Amino acid sequence: MSTTIDLKIQNAIAENLTKLCEWSANLSITDIPKNVLKNAALILGDNIAATISAAAEPEVYAYHQHLINSPQVPQATLLCQNGPQVSMMNAALGNGLAITWNELDDGYTKTAVHPGALSQP
């Protein structure tokens, strides 16, 4: 693929991503159909439950303790017992590890959630 084509693709992606971000930033909850909100709540609940359920696993617990005890500016919640505040990076790492620990949807291709695990902001 030539550099010109690469730049055209990159520009098209940037333009469309900008449109998507603008659309979503202006979206009101009343614009979203109730069935979509219901499914989103189920998926979010499932992901949070999977994340929290793994927090007591020895390997996840040890990693979380390492993240909690690291020098950092508290900015985000680590989804485990007592929900400690950690840096955004440590929350992403710890929650990302935990969500994949007990979540088994990645092997089930008919599901609307996962593959690759979602991590809530």
PDB file of N, CA and C in Angstrom:
ATOM      1  N   MET A   1       0.847  -1.166   0.000  1.00  0.00           N
ATOM      2  CA  MET A   1       0.000   0.000   0.000  1.00  0.00           C
ATOM      3  C   MET A   1       0.896   1.233   0.000  1.00  0.00           C
ATOM      4  N   SER A   2       0.585   2.172  -0.848  1.00  0.00           N
ATOM      5  CA  SER A   2       1.435   3.359  -0.941  1.00  0.00           C
ATOM      6  C   SER A   2       1.142   4.337   0.193  1.00  0.00           C
ATOM      7  N   THR A   3       2.067   5.259   0.372  1.00  0.00           N
ATOM      8  CA  THR A   3       1.908   6.270   1.418  1.00  0.00           C
ATOM      9  C   THR A   3       0.691   7.137   1.155  1.00  0.00           C
ATOM     10  N   THR A   4       0.423   7.454  -0.110  1.00  0.00           N
ATOM     11  CA  THR A   4      -0.742   8.272  -0.461  1.00  0.00           C
ATOM     12  C   THR A   4      -2.029   7.578  -0.050  1.00  0.00           C
ATOM     13  N   ILE A   5      -2.129   6.295  -0.325  1.00  0.00           N
ATOM     14  CA  ILE A   5      -3.326   5.545   0.056  1.00  0.00           C
ATOM     15  C   ILE A   5      -3.429   5.474   1.573  1.00  0.00           C
ATOM     16  N   ASP A   6      -2.310   5.233   2.238  1.00  0.00           N
ATOM     17  CA  ASP A   6      -2.310   5.195   3.696  1.00  0.00           C
ATOM     18  C   ASP A   6      -2.827   6.508   4.276  1.00  0.00           C
ATOM     19  N   LEU A   7      -2.379   7.629   3.732  1.00  0.00           N
ATOM     20  CA  LEU A   7      -2.825   8.933   4.221  1.00  0.00           C
ATOM     21  C   LEU A   7      -4.302   9.148   3.943  1.00  0.00           C
ATOM     22  N   LYS A   8      -4.783   8.700   2.794  1.00  0.00           N
ATOM     23  CA  LYS A   8      -6.208   8.828   2.476  1.00  0.00           C
ATOM     24  C   LYS A   8      -7.041   8.008   3.459  1.00  0.00           C
ATOM     25  N   ILE A   9      -6.586   6.812   3.745  1.00  0.00           N
ATOM     26  CA  ILE A   9      -7.305   5.956   4.699  1.00  0.00           C
ATOM     27  C   ILE A   9      -7.266   6.584   6.087  1.00  0.00           C
ATOM     28  N   GLN A  10      -6.108   7.056   6.502  1.00  0.00           N
ATOM     29  CA  GLN A  10      -5.986   7.694   7.816  1.00  0.00           C
ATOM     30  C   GLN A  10      -6.887   8.920   7.923  1.00  0.00           C
ATOM     31  N   ASN A  11      -6.920   9.732   6.873  1.00  0.00           N
ATOM     32  CA  ASN A  11      -7.774  10.921   6.884  1.00  0.00           C
ATOM     33  C   ASN A  11      -9.248  10.547   6.933  1.00  0.00           C
ATOM     34  N   ALA A  12      -9.637   9.520   6.188  1.00  0.00           N
ATOM     35  CA  ALA A  12     -11.035   9.072   6.202  1.00  0.00           C
ATOM     36  C   ALA A  12     -11.416   8.546   7.583  1.00  0.00           C
ATOM     37  N   ILE A  13     -10.525   7.794   8.186  1.00  0.00           N
ATOM     38  CA  ILE A  13     -10.783   7.277   9.532  1.00  0.00           C
ATOM     39  C   ILE A  13     -10.908   8.438  10.518  1.00  0.00           C
ATOM     40  N   ALA A  14      -9.993   9.386  10.452  1.00  0.00           N
ATOM     41  CA  ALA A  14     -10.026  10.537  11.361  1.00  0.00           C
ATOM     42  C   ALA A  14     -11.311  11.338  11.183  1.00  0.00           C
ATOM     43  N   GLU A  15     -11.716  11.553   9.947  1.00  0.00           N
ATOM     44  CA  GLU A  15     -12.939  12.315   9.670  1.00  0.00           C
ATOM     45  C   GLU A  15     -14.167  11.595  10.221  1.00  0.00           C
ATOM     46  N   ASN A  16     -14.257  10.308   9.966  1.00  0.00           N
ATOM     47  CA  ASN A  16     -15.418   9.549  10.442  1.00  0.00           C
ATOM     48  C   ASN A  16     -15.412   9.369  11.953  1.00  0.00           C
ATOM     49  N   LEU A  17     -14.247   9.214  12.542  1.00  0.00           N
ATOM     50  CA  LEU A  17     -14.162   9.114  13.995  1.00  0.00           C
ATOM     51  C   LEU A  17     -14.576  10.437  14.646  1.00  0.00           C
ATOM     52  N   THR A  18     -14.182  11.543  14.040  1.00  0.00           N
ATOM     53  CA  THR A  18     -14.601  12.860  14.532  1.00  0.00           C
ATOM     54  C   THR A  18     -16.114  12.990  14.482  1.00  0.00           C
ATOM     55  N   LYS A  19     -16.723  12.572  13.380  1.00  0.00           N
ATOM     56  CA  LYS A  19     -18.187  12.613  13.256  1.00  0.00           C
ATOM     57  C   LYS A  19     -18.852  11.752  14.328  1.00  0.00           C
ATOM     58  N   LEU A  20     -18.323  10.560  14.554  1.00  0.00           N
ATOM     59  CA  LEU A  20     -18.880   9.665  15.568  1.00  0.00           C
ATOM     60  C   LEU A  20     -18.764  10.285  16.960  1.00  0.00           C
ATOM     61  N   CYS A  21     -17.621  10.869  17.266  1.00  0.00           N
ATOM     62  CA  CYS A  21     -17.425  11.505  18.576  1.00  0.00           C
ATOM     63  C   CYS A  21     -18.367  12.689  18.762  1.00  0.00           C
ATOM     64  N   GLU A  22     -18.528  13.506  17.726  1.00  0.00           N
ATOM     65  CA  GLU A  22     -19.444  14.647  17.813  1.00  0.00           C
ATOM     66  C   GLU A  22     -20.876  14.166  18.003  1.00  0.00           C
ATOM     67  N   TRP A  23     -21.269  13.138  17.253  1.00  0.00           N
ATOM     68  CA  TRP A  23     -22.624  12.590  17.375  1.00  0.00           C
ATOM     69  C   TRP A  23     -22.859  12.068  18.791  1.00  0.00           C
ATOM     70  N   SER A  24     -21.910  11.281  19.303  1.00  0.00           N
ATOM     71  CA  SER A  24     -22.105  10.688  20.628  1.00  0.00           C
ATOM     72  C   SER A  24     -22.061  11.744  21.732  1.00  0.00           C
ATOM     73  N   ALA A  25     -21.258  12.792  21.561  1.00  0.00           N
ATOM     74  CA  ALA A  25     -21.185  13.856  22.565  1.00  0.00           C
ATOM     75  C   ALA A  25     -22.498  14.632  22.650  1.00  0.00           C
ATOM     76  N   ASN A  26     -23.227  14.694  21.557  1.00  0.00           N
ATOM     77  CA  ASN A  26     -24.494  15.426  21.519  1.00  0.00           C
ATOM     78  C   ASN A  26     -25.702  14.534  21.758  1.00  0.00           C
ATOM     79  N   LEU A  27     -25.477  13.269  21.993  1.00  0.00           N
ATOM     80  CA  LEU A  27     -26.564  12.313  22.185  1.00  0.00           C
ATOM     81  C   LEU A  27     -27.194  12.490  23.558  1.00  0.00           C
ATOM     82  N   SER A  28     -28.502  12.476  23.591  1.00  0.00           N
ATOM     83  CA  SER A  28     -29.239  12.533  24.852  1.00  0.00           C
ATOM     84  C   SER A  28     -29.741  11.130  25.165  1.00  0.00           C
ATOM     85  N   ILE A  29     -29.860  10.819  26.436  1.00  0.00           N
ATOM     86  CA  ILE A  29     -30.331   9.483  26.814  1.00  0.00           C
ATOM     87  C   ILE A  29     -31.724   9.212  26.247  1.00  0.00           C
ATOM     88  N   THR A  30     -32.502  10.267  26.056  1.00  0.00           N
ATOM     89  CA  THR A  30     -33.850  10.084  25.496  1.00  0.00           C
ATOM     90  C   THR A  30     -33.808   9.717  24.014  1.00  0.00           C
ATOM     91  N   ASP A  31     -32.663   9.903  23.369  1.00  0.00           N
ATOM     92  CA  ASP A  31     -32.506   9.516  21.964  1.00  0.00           C
ATOM     93  C   ASP A  31     -32.254   8.020  21.800  1.00  0.00           C
ATOM     94  N   ILE A  32     -31.922   7.358  22.887  1.00  0.00           N
ATOM     95  CA  ILE A  32     -31.558   5.940  22.829  1.00  0.00           C
ATOM     96  C   ILE A  32     -32.796   5.098  23.126  1.00  0.00           C
ATOM     97  N   PRO A  33     -33.127   4.152  22.241  1.00  0.00           N
ATOM     98  CA  PRO A  33     -34.301   3.297  22.476  1.00  0.00           C
ATOM     99  C   PRO A  33     -34.180   2.533  23.794  1.00  0.00           C
ATOM    100  N   LYS A  34     -35.308   2.331  24.454  1.00  0.00           N
ATOM    101  CA  LYS A  34     -35.326   1.665  25.767  1.00  0.00           C
ATOM    102  C   LYS A  34     -34.708   0.274  25.720  1.00  0.00           C
ATOM    103  N   ASN A  35     -34.943  -0.475  24.632  1.00  0.00           N
ATOM    104  CA  ASN A  35     -34.369  -1.819  24.560  1.00  0.00           C
ATOM    105  C   ASN A  35     -32.838  -1.769  24.464  1.00  0.00           C
ATOM    106  N   VAL A  36     -32.308  -0.733  23.846  1.00  0.00           N
ATOM    107  CA  VAL A  36     -30.855  -0.572  23.761  1.00  0.00           C
ATOM    108  C   VAL A  36     -30.293  -0.231  25.144  1.00  0.00           C
ATOM    109  N   LEU A  37     -30.972   0.655  25.864  1.00  0.00           N
ATOM    110  CA  LEU A  37     -30.540   0.991  27.226  1.00  0.00           C
ATOM    111  C   LEU A  37     -30.579  -0.232  28.130  1.00  0.00           C
ATOM    112  N   LYS A  38     -31.635  -1.038  27.987  1.00  0.00           N
ATOM    113  CA  LYS A  38     -31.762  -2.248  28.802  1.00  0.00           C
ATOM    114  C   LYS A  38     -30.604  -3.205  28.522  1.00  0.00           C
ATOM    115  N   ASN A  39     -30.305  -3.420  27.244  1.00  0.00           N
ATOM    116  CA  ASN A  39     -29.193  -4.311  26.890  1.00  0.00           C
ATOM    117  C   ASN A  39     -27.856  -3.750  27.367  1.00  0.00           C
ATOM    118  N   ALA A  40     -27.687  -2.441  27.259  1.00  0.00           N
ATOM    119  CA  ALA A  40     -26.443  -1.818  27.727  1.00  0.00           C
ATOM    120  C   ALA A  40     -26.281  -2.012  29.231  1.00  0.00           C
ATOM    121  N   ALA A  41     -27.373  -1.866  29.977  1.00  0.00           N
ATOM    122  CA  ALA A  41     -27.319  -2.062  31.430  1.00  0.00           C
ATOM    123  C   ALA A  41     -26.975  -3.508  31.775  1.00  0.00           C
ATOM    124  N   LEU A  42     -27.540  -4.456  31.029  1.00  0.00           N
ATOM    125  CA  LEU A  42     -27.229  -5.869  31.269  1.00  0.00           C
ATOM    126  C   LEU A  42     -25.759  -6.169  30.988  1.00  0.00           C
ATOM    127  N   ILE A  43     -25.252  -5.634  29.895  1.00  0.00           N
ATOM    128  CA  ILE A  43     -23.856  -5.863  29.525  1.00  0.00           C
ATOM    129  C   ILE A  43     -22.920  -5.218  30.542  1.00  0.00           C
ATOM    130  N   LEU A  44     -23.228  -3.979  30.925  1.00  0.00           N
ATOM    131  CA  LEU A  44     -22.406  -3.287  31.917  1.00  0.00           C
ATOM    132  C   LEU A  44     -22.414  -4.038  33.246  1.00  0.00           C
ATOM    133  N   GLY A  45     -23.601  -4.469  33.670  1.00  0.00           N
ATOM    134  CA  GLY A  45     -23.707  -5.234  34.916  1.00  0.00           C
ATOM    135  C   GLY A  45     -22.931  -6.532  34.860  1.00  0.00           C
ATOM    136  N   ASP A  46     -23.016  -7.225  33.732  1.00  0.00           N
ATOM    137  CA  ASP A  46     -22.280  -8.476  33.556  1.00  0.00           C
ATOM    138  C   ASP A  46     -20.776  -8.238  33.638  1.00  0.00           C
ATOM    139  N   ASN A  47     -20.310  -7.190  32.985  1.00  0.00           N
ATOM    140  CA  ASN A  47     -18.879  -6.896  32.986  1.00  0.00           C
ATOM    141  C   ASN A  47     -18.378  -6.487  34.363  1.00  0.00           C
ATOM    142  N   ILE A  48     -19.149  -5.673  35.062  1.00  0.00           N
ATOM    143  CA  ILE A  48     -18.741  -5.267  36.410  1.00  0.00           C
ATOM    144  C   ILE A  48     -18.735  -6.475  37.347  1.00  0.00           C
ATOM    145  N   ALA A  49     -19.762  -7.319  37.235  1.00  0.00           N
ATOM    146  CA  ALA A  49     -19.819  -8.525  38.075  1.00  0.00           C
ATOM    147  C   ALA A  49     -18.632  -9.444  37.795  1.00  0.00           C
ATOM    148  N   ALA A  50     -18.292  -9.617  36.526  1.00  0.00           N
ATOM    149  CA  ALA A  50     -17.144 -10.460  36.178  1.00  0.00           C
ATOM    150  C   ALA A  50     -15.854  -9.881  36.744  1.00  0.00           C
ATOM    151  N   THR A  51     -15.723  -8.572  36.685  1.00  0.00           N
ATOM    152  CA  THR A  51     -14.521  -7.914  37.198  1.00  0.00           C
ATOM    153  C   THR A  51     -14.402  -8.092  38.709  1.00  0.00           C
ATOM    154  N   ILE A  52     -15.484  -7.803  39.416  1.00  0.00           N
ATOM    155  CA  ILE A  52     -15.462  -7.896  40.883  1.00  0.00           C
ATOM    156  C   ILE A  52     -15.312  -9.341  41.346  1.00  0.00           C
ATOM    157  N   SER A  53     -15.911 -10.279  40.607  1.00  0.00           N
ATOM    158  CA  SER A  53     -15.838 -11.684  41.018  1.00  0.00           C
ATOM    159  C   SER A  53     -14.413 -12.223  40.993  1.00  0.00           C
ATOM    160  N   ALA A  54     -13.562 -11.618  40.198  1.00  0.00           N
ATOM    161  CA  ALA A  54     -12.179 -12.099  40.088  1.00  0.00           C
ATOM    162  C   ALA A  54     -11.246 -11.474  41.122  1.00  0.00           C
ATOM    163  N   ALA A  55     -11.706 -10.447  41.809  1.00  0.00           N
ATOM    164  CA  ALA A  55     -10.817  -9.685  42.699  1.00  0.00           C
ATOM    165  C   ALA A  55     -10.211 -10.522  43.819  1.00  0.00           C
ATOM    166  N   ALA A  56     -10.899 -11.575  44.251  1.00  0.00           N
ATOM    167  CA  ALA A  56     -10.378 -12.411  45.341  1.00  0.00           C
ATOM    168  C   ALA A  56      -9.490 -13.552  44.848  1.00  0.00           C
ATOM    169  N   GLU A  57      -9.404 -13.739  43.547  1.00  0.00           N
ATOM    170  CA  GLU A  57      -8.507 -14.772  43.014  1.00  0.00           C
ATOM    171  C   GLU A  57      -7.074 -14.405  43.409  1.00  0.00           C
ATOM    172  N   PRO A  58      -6.287 -15.360  43.880  1.00  0.00           N
ATOM    173  CA  PRO A  58      -4.952 -15.040  44.413  1.00  0.00           C
ATOM    174  C   PRO A  58      -4.075 -14.220  43.465  1.00  0.00           C
ATOM    175  N   GLU A  59      -4.061 -14.580  42.200  1.00  0.00           N
ATOM    176  CA  GLU A  59      -3.201 -13.870  41.251  1.00  0.00           C
ATOM    177  C   GLU A  59      -3.687 -12.439  41.020  1.00  0.00           C
ATOM    178  N   VAL A  60      -4.998 -12.290  40.871  1.00  0.00           N
ATOM    179  CA  VAL A  60      -5.571 -10.959  40.650  1.00  0.00           C
ATOM    180  C   VAL A  60      -5.394 -10.108  41.906  1.00  0.00           C
ATOM    181  N   TYR A  61      -5.668 -10.697  43.063  1.00  0.00           N
ATOM    182  CA  TYR A  61      -5.512  -9.985  44.332  1.00  0.00           C
ATOM    183  C   TYR A  61      -4.075  -9.472  44.491  1.00  0.00           C
ATOM    184  N   ALA A  62      -3.107 -10.323  44.214  1.00  0.00           N
ATOM    185  CA  ALA A  62      -1.697  -9.929  44.347  1.00  0.00           C
ATOM    186  C   ALA A  62      -1.361  -8.784  43.394  1.00  0.00           C
ATOM    187  N   TYR A  63      -1.858  -8.869  42.176  1.00  0.00           N
ATOM    188  CA  TYR A  63      -1.593  -7.801  41.205  1.00  0.00           C
ATOM    189  C   TYR A  63      -2.267  -6.508  41.644  1.00  0.00           C
ATOM    190  N   HIS A  64      -3.508  -6.608  42.122  1.00  0.00           N
ATOM    191  CA  HIS A  64      -4.208  -5.419  42.613  1.00  0.00           C
ATOM    192  C   HIS A  64      -3.442  -4.778  43.770  1.00  0.00           C
ATOM    193  N   GLN A  65      -2.923  -5.588  44.693  1.00  0.00           N
ATOM    194  CA  GLN A  65      -2.166  -5.048  45.822  1.00  0.00           C
ATOM    195  C   GLN A  65      -0.934  -4.290  45.335  1.00  0.00           C
ATOM    196  N   HIS A  66      -0.282  -4.840  44.320  1.00  0.00           N
ATOM    197  CA  HIS A  66       0.878  -4.162  43.739  1.00  0.00           C
ATOM    198  C   HIS A  66       0.458  -2.804  43.173  1.00  0.00           C
ATOM    199  N   LEU A  67      -0.665  -2.779  42.450  1.00  0.00           N
ATOM    200  CA  LEU A  67      -1.140  -1.523  41.860  1.00  0.00           C
ATOM    201  C   LEU A  67      -1.543  -0.518  42.941  1.00  0.00           C
ATOM    202  N   ILE A  68      -2.236  -0.998  43.963  1.00  0.00           N
ATOM    203  CA  ILE A  68      -2.692  -0.123  45.053  1.00  0.00           C
ATOM    204  C   ILE A  68      -1.506   0.508  45.777  1.00  0.00           C
ATOM    205  N   ASN A  69      -0.448  -0.252  45.961  1.00  0.00           N
ATOM    206  CA  ASN A  69       0.717   0.216  46.718  1.00  0.00           C
ATOM    207  C   ASN A  69       1.735   0.979  45.880  1.00  0.00           C
ATOM    208  N   SER A  70       1.479   1.128  44.599  1.00  0.00           N
ATOM    209  CA  SER A  70       2.388   1.880  43.732  1.00  0.00           C
ATOM    210  C   SER A  70       2.211   3.380  43.957  1.00  0.00           C
ATOM    211  N   PRO A  71       3.291   4.157  43.851  1.00  0.00           N
ATOM    212  CA  PRO A  71       3.150   5.618  43.944  1.00  0.00           C
ATOM    213  C   PRO A  71       2.280   6.116  42.787  1.00  0.00           C
ATOM    214  N   GLN A  72       1.288   6.942  43.097  1.00  0.00           N
ATOM    215  CA  GLN A  72       0.363   7.382  42.054  1.00  0.00           C
ATOM    216  C   GLN A  72      -0.530   8.505  42.552  1.00  0.00           C
ATOM    217  N   VAL A  73      -1.197   9.150  41.610  1.00  0.00           N
ATOM    218  CA  VAL A  73      -2.220  10.143  41.919  1.00  0.00           C
ATOM    219  C   VAL A  73      -3.563   9.439  41.782  1.00  0.00           C
ATOM    220  N   PRO A  74      -4.358   9.352  42.862  1.00  0.00           N
ATOM    221  CA  PRO A  74      -5.656   8.669  42.794  1.00  0.00           C
ATOM    222  C   PRO A  74      -6.606   9.380  41.825  1.00  0.00           C
ATOM    223  N   GLN A  75      -7.083   8.634  40.823  1.00  0.00           N
ATOM    224  CA  GLN A  75      -7.944   9.227  39.803  1.00  0.00           C
ATOM    225  C   GLN A  75      -9.125   8.351  39.425  1.00  0.00           C
ATOM    226  N   ALA A  76      -9.040   7.064  39.671  1.00  0.00           N
ATOM    227  CA  ALA A  76     -10.064   6.142  39.179  1.00  0.00           C
ATOM    228  C   ALA A  76     -10.215   4.981  40.158  1.00  0.00           C
ATOM    229  N   THR A  77     -11.322   4.266  40.038  1.00  0.00           N
ATOM    230  CA  THR A  77     -11.632   3.180  40.966  1.00  0.00           C
ATOM    231  C   THR A  77     -11.131   1.841  40.449  1.00  0.00           C
ATOM    232  N   LEU A  78     -10.449   1.128  41.314  1.00  0.00           N
ATOM    233  CA  LEU A  78     -10.082  -0.254  41.043  1.00  0.00           C
ATOM    234  C   LEU A  78     -11.234  -1.107  41.568  1.00  0.00           C
ATOM    235  N   LEU A  79     -11.853  -1.891  40.698  1.00  0.00           N
ATOM    236  CA  LEU A  79     -13.047  -2.650  41.069  1.00  0.00           C
ATOM    237  C   LEU A  79     -12.671  -3.896  41.861  1.00  0.00           C
ATOM    238  N   CYS A  80     -12.504  -3.693  43.155  1.00  0.00           N
ATOM    239  CA  CYS A  80     -12.200  -4.772  44.087  1.00  0.00           C
ATOM    240  C   CYS A  80     -12.699  -4.342  45.465  1.00  0.00           C
ATOM    241  N   GLN A  81     -12.422  -5.136  46.485  1.00  0.00           N
ATOM    242  CA  GLN A  81     -12.909  -4.819  47.826  1.00  0.00           C
ATOM    243  C   GLN A  81     -12.506  -3.401  48.233  1.00  0.00           C
ATOM    244  N   ASN A  82     -13.457  -2.659  48.732  1.00  0.00           N
ATOM    245  CA  ASN A  82     -13.307  -1.268  49.170  1.00  0.00           C
ATOM    246  C   ASN A  82     -13.095  -0.278  48.030  1.00  0.00           C
ATOM    247  N   GLY A  83     -13.017  -0.723  46.802  1.00  0.00           N
ATOM    248  CA  GLY A  83     -12.910   0.159  45.643  1.00  0.00           C
ATOM    249  C   GLY A  83     -11.905   1.282  45.788  1.00  0.00           C
ATOM    250  N   PRO A  84     -10.631   0.946  46.015  1.00  0.00           N
ATOM    251  CA  PRO A  84      -9.635   1.993  46.219  1.00  0.00           C
ATOM    252  C   PRO A  84      -9.435   2.845  44.966  1.00  0.00           C
ATOM    253  N   GLN A  85      -9.050   4.085  45.191  1.00  0.00           N
ATOM    254  CA  GLN A  85      -8.722   4.986  44.094  1.00  0.00           C
ATOM    255  C   GLN A  85      -7.258   4.789  43.720  1.00  0.00           C
ATOM    256  N   VAL A  86      -7.015   4.638  42.443  1.00  0.00           N
ATOM    257  CA  VAL A  86      -5.664   4.467  41.915  1.00  0.00           C
ATOM    258  C   VAL A  86      -5.535   5.366  40.688  1.00  0.00           C
ATOM    259  N   SER A  87      -4.373   5.393  40.074  1.00  0.00           N
ATOM    260  CA  SER A  87      -4.214   6.178  38.849  1.00  0.00           C
ATOM    261  C   SER A  87      -5.087   5.577  37.748  1.00  0.00           C
ATOM    262  N   MET A  88      -5.374   6.377  36.736  1.00  0.00           N
ATOM    263  CA  MET A  88      -6.177   5.858  35.622  1.00  0.00           C
ATOM    264  C   MET A  88      -5.504   4.654  34.973  1.00  0.00           C
ATOM    265  N   MET A  89      -4.194   4.726  34.811  1.00  0.00           N
ATOM    266  CA  MET A  89      -3.459   3.619  34.201  1.00  0.00           C
ATOM    267  C   MET A  89      -3.570   2.361  35.052  1.00  0.00           C
ATOM    268  N   ASN A  90      -3.400   2.495  36.358  1.00  0.00           N
ATOM    269  CA  ASN A  90      -3.485   1.323  37.226  1.00  0.00           C
ATOM    270  C   ASN A  90      -4.899   0.761  37.279  1.00  0.00           C
ATOM    271  N   ALA A  91      -5.910   1.624  37.223  1.00  0.00           N
ATOM    272  CA  ALA A  91      -7.292   1.139  37.174  1.00  0.00           C
ATOM    273  C   ALA A  91      -7.530   0.369  35.879  1.00  0.00           C
ATOM    274  N   ALA A  92      -7.031   0.893  34.773  1.00  0.00           N
ATOM    275  CA  ALA A  92      -7.193   0.203  33.490  1.00  0.00           C
ATOM    276  C   ALA A  92      -6.486  -1.150  33.510  1.00  0.00           C
ATOM    277  N   LEU A  93      -5.283  -1.192  34.054  1.00  0.00           N
ATOM    278  CA  LEU A  93      -4.534  -2.451  34.129  1.00  0.00           C
ATOM    279  C   LEU A  93      -5.217  -3.457  35.050  1.00  0.00           C
ATOM    280  N   GLY A  94      -5.554  -3.021  36.260  1.00  0.00           N
ATOM    281  CA  GLY A  94      -6.152  -3.927  37.240  1.00  0.00           C
ATOM    282  C   GLY A  94      -7.537  -4.394  36.850  1.00  0.00           C
ATOM    283  N   ASN A  95      -8.371  -3.469  36.373  1.00  0.00           N
ATOM    284  CA  ASN A  95      -9.718  -3.847  35.953  1.00  0.00           C
ATOM    285  C   ASN A  95      -9.677  -4.669  34.666  1.00  0.00           C
ATOM    286  N   GLY A  96      -8.744  -4.334  33.788  1.00  0.00           N
ATOM    287  CA  GLY A  96      -8.602  -5.099  32.547  1.00  0.00           C
ATOM    288  C   GLY A  96      -8.188  -6.541  32.803  1.00  0.00           C
ATOM    289  N   LEU A  97      -7.291  -6.739  33.755  1.00  0.00           N
ATOM    290  CA  LEU A  97      -6.898  -8.101  34.126  1.00  0.00           C
ATOM    291  C   LEU A  97      -8.075  -8.838  34.741  1.00  0.00           C
ATOM    292  N   ALA A  98      -8.744  -8.190  35.689  1.00  0.00           N
ATOM    293  CA  ALA A  98      -9.825  -8.851  36.422  1.00  0.00           C
ATOM    294  C   ALA A  98     -11.006  -9.209  35.527  1.00  0.00           C
ATOM    295  N   ILE A  99     -11.346  -8.351  34.568  1.00  0.00           N
ATOM    296  CA  ILE A  99     -12.530  -8.616  33.753  1.00  0.00           C
ATOM    297  C   ILE A  99     -12.347  -9.858  32.879  1.00  0.00           C
ATOM    298  N   THR A 100     -11.116 -10.142  32.519  1.00  0.00           N
ATOM    299  CA  THR A 100     -10.884 -11.315  31.670  1.00  0.00           C
ATOM    300  C   THR A 100     -10.692 -12.593  32.478  1.00  0.00           C
ATOM    301  N   TRP A 101     -10.562 -12.470  33.791  1.00  0.00           N
ATOM    302  CA  TRP A 101     -10.248 -13.634  34.619  1.00  0.00           C
ATOM    303  C   TRP A 101     -11.395 -14.635  34.672  1.00  0.00           C
ATOM    304  N   ASN A 102     -12.594 -14.173  34.971  1.00  0.00           N
ATOM    305  CA  ASN A 102     -13.750 -15.064  35.111  1.00  0.00           C
ATOM    306  C   ASN A 102     -14.754 -14.939  33.966  1.00  0.00           C
ATOM    307  N   GLU A 103     -14.541 -14.009  33.078  1.00  0.00           N
ATOM    308  CA  GLU A 103     -15.475 -13.818  31.967  1.00  0.00           C
ATOM    309  C   GLU A 103     -15.131 -14.811  30.870  1.00  0.00           C
ATOM    310  N   LEU A 104     -16.094 -15.616  30.500  1.00  0.00           N
ATOM    311  CA  LEU A 104     -15.839 -16.695  29.540  1.00  0.00           C
ATOM    312  C   LEU A 104     -16.490 -16.455  28.187  1.00  0.00           C
ATOM    313  N   ASP A 105     -16.998 -15.259  27.940  1.00  0.00           N
ATOM    314  CA  ASP A 105     -17.704 -14.977  26.691  1.00  0.00           C
ATOM    315  C   ASP A 105     -16.815 -15.009  25.456  1.00  0.00           C
ATOM    316  N   ASP A 106     -15.518 -14.863  25.617  1.00  0.00           N
ATOM    317  CA  ASP A 106     -14.656 -14.790  24.445  1.00  0.00           C
ATOM    318  C   ASP A 106     -14.742 -16.023  23.558  1.00  0.00           C
ATOM    319  N   GLY A 107     -15.045 -17.165  24.124  1.00  0.00           N
ATOM    320  CA  GLY A 107     -15.157 -18.382  23.324  1.00  0.00           C
ATOM    321  C   GLY A 107     -16.544 -18.623  22.770  1.00  0.00           C
ATOM    322  N   TYR A 108     -17.502 -17.809  23.176  1.00  0.00           N
ATOM    323  CA  TYR A 108     -18.886 -17.977  22.717  1.00  0.00           C
ATOM    324  C   TYR A 108     -19.183 -16.873  21.718  1.00  0.00           C
ATOM    325  N   THR A 109     -19.232 -17.224  20.449  1.00  0.00           N
ATOM    326  CA  THR A 109     -19.313 -16.217  19.395  1.00  0.00           C
ATOM    327  C   THR A 109     -20.702 -15.632  19.176  1.00  0.00           C
ATOM    328  N   LYS A 110     -21.734 -16.168  19.807  1.00  0.00           N
ATOM    329  CA  LYS A 110     -23.080 -15.637  19.600  1.00  0.00           C
ATOM    330  C   LYS A 110     -23.435 -14.530  20.595  1.00  0.00           C
ATOM    331  N   THR A 111     -22.547 -14.219  21.496  1.00  0.00           N
ATOM    332  CA  THR A 111     -22.837 -13.202  22.503  1.00  0.00           C
ATOM    333  C   THR A 111     -22.644 -11.798  21.943  1.00  0.00           C
ATOM    334  N   ALA A 112     -23.336 -10.849  22.560  1.00  0.00           N
ATOM    335  CA  ALA A 112     -23.210  -9.455  22.139  1.00  0.00           C
ATOM    336  C   ALA A 112     -22.043  -8.764  22.840  1.00  0.00           C
ATOM    337  N   VAL A 113     -21.479  -9.408  23.841  1.00  0.00           N
ATOM    338  CA  VAL A 113     -20.389  -8.782  24.583  1.00  0.00           C
ATOM    339  C   VAL A 113     -19.082  -9.508  24.345  1.00  0.00           C
ATOM    340  N   HIS A 114     -18.077  -8.904  24.758  1.00  0.00           N
ATOM    341  CA  HIS A 114     -16.692  -9.301  24.652  1.00  0.00           C
ATOM    342  C   HIS A 114     -16.313  -9.251  23.208  1.00  0.00           C
ATOM    343  N   PRO A 115     -15.832 -10.081  22.475  1.00  0.00           N
ATOM    344  CA  PRO A 115     -14.507 -10.677  22.525  1.00  0.00           C
ATOM    345  C   PRO A 115     -13.442  -9.651  22.875  1.00  0.00           C
ATOM    346  N   GLY A 116     -12.496 -10.134  23.613  1.00  0.00           N
ATOM    347  CA  GLY A 116     -11.378  -9.291  23.986  1.00  0.00           C
ATOM    348  C   GLY A 116     -11.606  -8.521  25.264  1.00  0.00           C
ATOM    349  N   ALA A 117     -12.767  -8.632  25.837  1.00  0.00           N
ATOM    350  CA  ALA A 117     -13.134  -8.012  27.115  1.00  0.00           C
ATOM    351  C   ALA A 117     -13.259  -6.497  27.019  1.00  0.00           C
ATOM    352  N   LEU A 118     -14.309  -6.038  27.603  1.00  0.00           N
ATOM    353  CA  LEU A 118     -14.558  -4.601  27.675  1.00  0.00           C
ATOM    354  C   LEU A 118     -14.058  -4.106  29.013  1.00  0.00           C
ATOM    355  N   SER A 119     -13.590  -2.923  29.034  1.00  0.00           N
ATOM    356  CA  SER A 119     -13.212  -2.311  30.301  1.00  0.00           C
ATOM    357  C   SER A 119     -13.941  -0.986  30.383  1.00  0.00           C
ATOM    358  N   GLN A 120     -14.725  -0.838  31.430  1.00  0.00           N
ATOM    359  CA  GLN A 120     -15.523   0.365  31.566  1.00  0.00           C
ATOM    360  C   GLN A 120     -14.634   1.549  31.902  1.00  0.00           C
ATOM    361  N   PRO A 121     -15.015   2.716  31.391  1.00  0.00           N
ATOM    362  CA  PRO A 121     -14.212   3.911  31.707  1.00  0.00           C
ATOM    363  C   PRO A 121     -14.345   4.285  33.171  1.00  0.00           C
TER     364      PRO A 121
END
